[in-house]
Protein backbone atom coordinates (compact mmCIF):
# COMPACT_ATOMS: atom_id res chain seq x y z
CA MET A 1 -106.88 294.87 149.66
CA ASP A 2 -106.80 291.45 148.02
CA THR A 3 -108.63 291.41 144.68
CA VAL A 4 -107.96 293.74 141.75
CA LEU A 5 -110.03 294.15 138.59
CA VAL A 6 -108.09 295.37 135.52
CA THR A 7 -110.09 296.43 132.47
CA GLY A 8 -108.16 296.30 129.21
CA ALA A 9 -106.21 293.43 130.74
CA ALA A 10 -104.97 292.03 127.41
CA GLY A 11 -103.73 295.40 126.24
CA PHE A 12 -100.24 296.84 126.30
CA VAL A 13 -100.28 298.56 129.71
CA GLY A 14 -103.08 296.43 131.17
CA SER A 15 -101.22 293.16 130.72
CA HIS A 16 -98.11 294.55 132.42
CA LEU A 17 -100.32 295.72 135.29
CA CYS A 18 -101.72 292.20 135.69
CA ASP A 19 -98.17 290.84 135.88
CA LEU A 20 -97.10 293.34 138.51
CA PHE A 21 -100.10 292.96 140.81
CA ILE A 22 -99.89 289.15 140.65
CA SER A 23 -96.17 289.32 141.45
CA LYS A 24 -97.10 291.36 144.54
CA GLY A 25 -99.51 288.66 145.75
CA PHE A 26 -102.84 290.13 144.60
CA LYS A 27 -105.64 288.18 142.96
CA VAL A 28 -106.36 289.74 139.56
CA ILE A 29 -109.51 289.63 137.47
CA GLY A 30 -109.01 290.77 133.89
CA PHE A 31 -111.61 292.13 131.46
CA ASP A 32 -110.99 292.69 127.75
CA SER A 33 -113.16 292.77 124.62
CA PHE A 34 -110.18 292.39 122.21
CA ILE A 35 -110.76 295.41 119.99
CA SER A 36 -107.04 296.06 120.34
CA GLY A 37 -106.02 293.69 123.14
CA ASN A 38 -104.03 290.54 122.37
CA LEU A 39 -104.64 287.22 124.13
CA LYS A 40 -100.92 286.43 123.78
CA ASN A 41 -100.18 289.25 126.23
CA ILE A 42 -101.81 287.27 129.05
CA GLU A 43 -101.42 283.65 127.92
CA HIS A 44 -98.56 283.17 130.38
CA LEU A 45 -100.98 283.92 133.23
CA SER A 46 -103.45 281.15 132.34
CA CYS A 47 -101.78 278.70 134.73
CA SER A 48 -101.80 281.13 137.65
CA ASP A 49 -104.37 280.53 140.38
CA LYS A 50 -104.25 284.27 141.06
CA PHE A 51 -105.59 285.26 137.63
CA THR A 52 -109.13 285.06 136.25
CA PHE A 53 -109.94 286.36 132.78
CA MET A 54 -113.31 287.29 131.25
CA ASN A 55 -113.91 288.29 127.63
CA PHE A 56 -116.14 291.21 128.49
CA ASP A 57 -117.13 294.60 127.07
CA VAL A 58 -117.24 297.14 129.91
CA THR A 59 -119.90 299.18 128.10
CA LYS A 60 -122.22 296.33 129.18
CA GLU A 61 -123.27 296.27 132.80
CA ALA A 62 -121.06 293.95 134.83
CA LYS A 63 -122.70 291.53 137.27
CA LEU A 64 -119.98 289.84 139.29
CA ASN A 65 -120.34 286.89 141.63
CA PHE A 66 -117.30 288.00 143.58
CA ARG A 67 -116.14 291.16 145.30
CA VAL A 68 -113.24 293.40 144.28
CA ASP A 69 -111.20 295.81 146.36
CA LEU A 70 -109.60 297.86 143.59
CA ILE A 71 -110.65 298.64 140.01
CA LEU A 72 -108.09 299.83 137.46
CA HIS A 73 -110.00 301.10 134.42
CA PHE A 74 -107.61 300.82 131.46
CA ALA A 75 -110.01 299.60 128.76
CA SER A 76 -109.80 302.51 126.30
CA LEU A 77 -108.16 302.44 122.92
CA ALA A 78 -105.09 304.69 123.17
CA SER A 79 -103.49 304.66 119.71
CA PRO A 80 -104.65 307.39 117.28
CA VAL A 81 -104.86 304.77 114.52
CA TYR A 82 -107.26 302.69 116.59
CA TYR A 83 -109.37 305.39 118.21
CA MET A 84 -109.87 307.10 114.84
CA ASN A 85 -110.95 303.76 113.35
CA PHE A 86 -113.22 303.08 116.34
CA PRO A 87 -114.40 306.59 117.30
CA VAL A 88 -117.79 305.65 118.75
CA GLU A 89 -116.36 302.71 120.69
CA THR A 90 -113.68 305.01 122.14
CA LEU A 91 -116.28 307.49 123.34
CA LEU A 92 -118.48 304.76 124.81
CA VAL A 93 -115.73 302.95 126.72
CA ASN A 94 -114.74 306.24 128.35
CA SER A 95 -118.33 307.28 129.10
CA ILE A 96 -120.64 304.28 129.60
CA GLY A 97 -117.69 302.00 130.36
CA THR A 98 -116.40 304.36 133.03
CA LEU A 99 -119.90 304.75 134.49
CA ASN A 100 -120.33 300.97 134.72
CA MET A 101 -116.94 300.45 136.34
CA ILE A 102 -117.31 303.31 138.83
CA ARG A 103 -120.77 302.03 139.80
CA LEU A 104 -119.20 298.63 140.36
CA ALA A 105 -116.56 300.26 142.55
CA LYS A 106 -119.26 302.03 144.57
CA ASP A 107 -121.25 298.79 145.00
CA ASN A 108 -118.10 297.03 146.24
CA ASN A 109 -116.82 299.99 148.27
CA ALA A 110 -113.70 299.55 146.14
CA ARG A 111 -110.99 302.02 145.19
CA PHE A 112 -111.30 303.28 141.60
CA VAL A 113 -108.25 304.23 139.53
CA PHE A 114 -108.92 305.77 136.13
CA ALA A 115 -106.36 305.74 133.33
CA SER A 116 -106.61 309.19 131.80
CA THR A 117 -104.06 310.72 129.45
CA SER A 118 -101.82 313.68 128.81
CA GLU A 119 -104.08 314.32 125.81
CA VAL A 120 -106.45 316.15 128.17
CA TYR A 121 -103.90 318.99 128.01
CA GLY A 122 -104.24 319.16 124.20
CA ASP A 123 -101.62 321.33 122.51
CA PRO A 124 -100.42 322.87 125.79
CA LEU A 125 -99.78 326.56 126.27
CA ILE A 126 -97.71 325.94 129.42
CA HIS A 127 -94.63 323.76 129.73
CA PRO A 128 -94.08 321.36 131.40
CA GLN A 129 -97.69 320.41 132.08
CA VAL A 130 -98.94 320.44 135.68
CA GLU A 131 -102.11 318.82 136.97
CA GLY A 132 -103.76 322.19 137.59
CA TYR A 133 -103.56 323.17 133.90
CA PHE A 134 -106.98 323.07 132.19
CA GLY A 135 -105.62 322.33 128.71
CA ASN A 136 -105.91 323.65 125.16
CA VAL A 137 -108.09 321.09 123.42
CA ASN A 138 -110.13 321.05 120.20
CA PRO A 139 -113.45 319.51 121.36
CA VAL A 140 -114.54 318.54 117.82
CA GLY A 141 -111.25 317.67 116.10
CA LEU A 142 -110.20 314.25 114.81
CA ARG A 143 -108.57 313.43 118.15
CA SER A 144 -111.53 314.64 120.21
CA VAL A 145 -113.13 311.20 120.50
CA TYR A 146 -110.19 310.25 122.73
CA ASP A 147 -109.42 313.61 124.35
CA GLU A 148 -113.02 314.48 125.21
CA GLY A 149 -113.84 310.91 126.21
CA LYS A 150 -111.06 311.05 128.78
CA ARG A 151 -112.05 314.53 129.95
CA PHE A 152 -115.64 313.36 130.47
CA ALA A 153 -114.44 310.30 132.37
CA GLU A 154 -112.30 312.48 134.63
CA SER A 155 -115.33 314.66 135.39
CA LEU A 156 -117.47 311.59 136.13
CA THR A 157 -114.78 310.18 138.41
CA MET A 158 -114.56 313.42 140.37
CA ALA A 159 -118.37 313.61 140.61
CA TYR A 160 -118.41 310.20 142.32
CA PHE A 161 -115.57 311.28 144.60
CA ARG A 162 -117.39 314.44 145.64
CA LYS A 163 -120.96 313.10 145.84
CA TYR A 164 -120.33 309.63 147.28
CA SER A 165 -116.89 310.05 148.90
CA LEU A 166 -115.70 307.20 146.69
CA ASP A 167 -111.94 306.59 146.87
CA THR A 168 -110.82 307.59 143.37
CA ARG A 169 -107.51 308.44 141.72
CA ILE A 170 -106.96 309.80 138.19
CA LEU A 171 -103.74 309.07 136.31
CA ARG A 172 -102.76 311.35 133.43
CA ILE A 173 -100.43 309.05 131.55
CA PHE A 174 -97.88 310.49 129.12
CA ASN A 175 -96.29 308.65 126.19
CA THR A 176 -95.39 305.11 127.17
CA TYR A 177 -93.57 302.42 125.19
CA GLY A 178 -92.15 298.93 125.52
CA PRO A 179 -92.76 295.25 124.79
CA ARG A 180 -96.33 294.16 123.95
CA MET A 181 -97.11 297.22 121.87
CA ARG A 182 -98.69 296.19 118.59
CA PRO A 183 -96.55 296.59 115.43
CA ASP A 184 -99.53 298.34 113.81
CA ASP A 185 -100.14 300.52 116.87
CA GLY A 186 -99.43 303.70 114.91
CA ARG A 187 -97.80 305.60 117.78
CA VAL A 188 -94.41 307.05 117.09
CA ILE A 189 -92.05 304.55 118.74
CA PRO A 190 -93.52 301.30 117.33
CA ASN A 191 -93.99 303.04 113.99
CA PHE A 192 -90.35 304.17 113.82
CA ILE A 193 -89.00 300.82 115.06
CA VAL A 194 -90.99 298.79 112.52
CA LYS A 195 -89.89 301.08 109.67
CA ALA A 196 -86.27 300.97 110.84
CA LEU A 197 -86.21 297.17 111.11
CA LYS A 198 -87.60 296.93 107.58
CA ASN A 199 -85.19 299.62 106.28
CA GLU A 200 -88.21 301.58 105.07
CA ASP A 201 -88.56 305.37 105.09
CA ILE A 202 -89.22 306.82 108.54
CA GLU A 203 -91.82 309.54 108.22
CA VAL A 204 -91.53 312.58 110.49
CA TYR A 205 -94.34 315.13 110.56
CA GLY A 206 -93.13 318.64 109.83
CA ASP A 207 -89.50 319.34 110.68
CA GLY A 208 -89.46 316.93 113.63
CA SER A 209 -88.90 319.67 116.19
CA GLN A 210 -92.03 318.75 118.14
CA THR A 211 -91.18 317.03 121.41
CA ARG A 212 -92.47 314.17 123.52
CA SER A 213 -91.37 312.51 126.75
CA PHE A 214 -91.31 308.72 126.70
CA CYS A 215 -91.70 306.47 129.74
CA TYR A 216 -90.71 302.81 129.62
CA VAL A 217 -93.62 300.55 130.53
CA ASP A 218 -91.90 298.90 133.53
CA ASP A 219 -91.44 302.32 135.08
CA LEU A 220 -95.01 303.33 134.32
CA VAL A 221 -96.69 300.31 135.92
CA LYS A 222 -94.61 300.79 139.06
CA GLY A 223 -95.92 304.35 139.20
CA ILE A 224 -99.49 303.15 138.71
CA PHE A 225 -99.03 300.54 141.43
CA GLY A 226 -97.71 303.15 143.84
CA VAL A 227 -100.64 305.50 143.29
CA ALA A 228 -103.16 302.64 143.42
CA ILE A 229 -102.05 301.27 146.80
CA GLU A 230 -101.06 304.50 148.57
CA GLU A 231 -103.38 305.37 151.44
CA GLY A 232 -104.79 308.83 152.05
CA ILE A 233 -104.65 310.26 148.53
CA ASN A 234 -108.34 309.96 147.68
CA GLY A 235 -109.46 312.22 144.84
CA GLU A 236 -105.96 313.01 143.63
CA ILE A 237 -105.04 313.60 139.98
CA VAL A 238 -101.43 312.86 139.07
CA ASN A 239 -99.21 312.96 136.00
CA LEU A 240 -97.26 309.79 135.24
CA GLY A 241 -94.49 309.96 132.66
CA ASN A 242 -90.82 310.58 132.09
CA PRO A 243 -89.89 314.29 132.24
CA GLU A 244 -86.93 313.77 129.87
CA GLU A 245 -87.99 315.60 126.70
CA VAL A 246 -86.82 314.51 123.24
CA GLY A 247 -87.42 315.88 119.75
CA ILE A 248 -89.12 313.56 117.27
CA LEU A 249 -86.31 313.92 114.71
CA ASP A 250 -83.77 313.06 117.42
CA LEU A 251 -85.89 310.04 118.34
CA ALA A 252 -85.88 308.84 114.73
CA ASN A 253 -82.11 309.12 114.53
CA LEU A 254 -81.66 307.28 117.84
CA ILE A 255 -83.85 304.41 116.67
CA LYS A 256 -81.91 304.26 113.40
CA GLU A 257 -78.68 304.00 115.40
CA ILE A 258 -79.99 301.26 117.76
CA THR A 259 -81.38 299.18 114.87
CA ASN A 260 -78.41 299.85 112.58
CA SER A 261 -81.02 300.72 109.96
CA LYS A 262 -80.55 302.00 106.42
CA SER A 263 -83.89 303.84 106.53
CA ARG A 264 -84.16 307.39 105.26
CA ILE A 265 -85.88 310.00 107.41
CA ILE A 266 -88.38 311.96 105.33
CA SER A 267 -90.69 314.85 106.18
CA LYS A 268 -94.49 314.79 105.85
CA GLU A 269 -97.12 317.48 106.31
CA PRO A 270 -97.99 318.08 109.98
CA VAL A 271 -101.17 316.40 111.23
CA SER A 272 -104.16 318.24 112.69
CA ASP A 273 -104.07 319.07 116.43
CA ASP A 274 -100.70 317.37 116.92
CA PRO A 275 -99.19 318.91 120.09
CA LYS A 276 -95.90 320.74 119.57
CA ARG A 277 -94.53 319.99 123.03
CA ARG A 278 -95.46 317.38 125.60
CA CYS A 279 -93.66 316.89 128.90
CA PRO A 280 -95.01 316.12 132.39
CA ASP A 281 -94.29 317.86 135.65
CA ILE A 282 -94.12 314.83 138.00
CA SER A 283 -93.32 316.69 141.21
CA LYS A 284 -96.76 315.84 142.62
CA VAL A 285 -96.45 312.05 142.25
CA ARG A 286 -92.87 312.24 143.56
CA ARG A 287 -94.19 313.98 146.68
CA LEU A 288 -97.16 311.62 147.15
CA THR A 289 -95.50 308.25 146.47
CA GLY A 290 -91.77 308.80 145.87
CA TRP A 291 -92.06 307.42 142.32
CA GLU A 292 -89.93 308.51 139.41
CA PRO A 293 -88.84 306.70 136.22
CA LYS A 294 -85.48 304.90 136.19
CA VAL A 295 -85.03 303.42 132.68
CA SER A 296 -83.22 305.65 130.18
CA LEU A 297 -84.66 306.15 126.72
CA ARG A 298 -81.72 304.40 125.05
CA LYS A 299 -81.99 301.34 127.31
CA GLY A 300 -85.78 301.18 127.01
CA LEU A 301 -85.64 301.49 123.22
CA ALA A 302 -83.04 298.71 123.00
CA ARG A 303 -85.35 296.37 124.95
CA THR A 304 -88.31 297.37 122.79
CA VAL A 305 -86.37 296.82 119.57
CA GLU A 306 -85.50 293.27 120.70
CA TYR A 307 -89.20 292.57 121.26
CA PHE A 308 -90.19 293.91 117.83
CA LYS A 309 -87.52 291.87 116.04
CA SER A 310 -89.69 288.78 116.52
CA LYS A 311 -92.84 290.61 115.35
CA VAL A 312 -91.65 292.21 112.12
């Protein structure tokens, strides 16, 4: 396995994936259409002879003049702010975009790794969430363009695995944070950090008792790498995330402490279909690859705050 194609290469997670695979000696081809990706995330790779970038929309059929051994499909919008502003594009990148990339994998006899999401579990009725759980999802709610797009893409991926014996892996990624997130991303950690650095009110939905589990991006990409290169796990679906659960109000207070902010924490009306609890069971990926996250929330937040200081 020599050449890796990363879609969404200029995005938050995608750019870190490019860095890691190049550091491991792989040749990397990056695709991005820049709906939410940022060229600055990959500028440092422009002088590398192991990196090739193409400004390309994966909903268009790709015709490559070179072969790839592994495709990592990470091109979807992931922030609620962005996928609600680009609902049709979000559905298309996870449907037509996934079809185009999985066809490309089949043509190249390449391994296909799909970046799914914990959102396929919806507002879960079991806790923590295991890969065998079917979810509790609103198929027509505001978040459905993302949730259902990912669920369709998972089904398509498994259809290619079963019909064509294509080597596929599905990653259900839980909340991730770290450098290269956009200040206007809208997800909870960048939102809280930006507000705290500006000493503006930090808005918590409801009473803040809802929970999430946050994985630092360096940990996440190591987990992705492990699943992507492991032999003999064709067709597997795995959770990737940090099983340490934290309440949203506690998160706001921790960010206030790290930033030494004067922000007030205020309550807002809960949003529609917002899960009350979210936490992965990662025993499967531990068993398959030995991966587990190492960076504590406090340490990861401190690193992320330093990054955002230059952006706010």
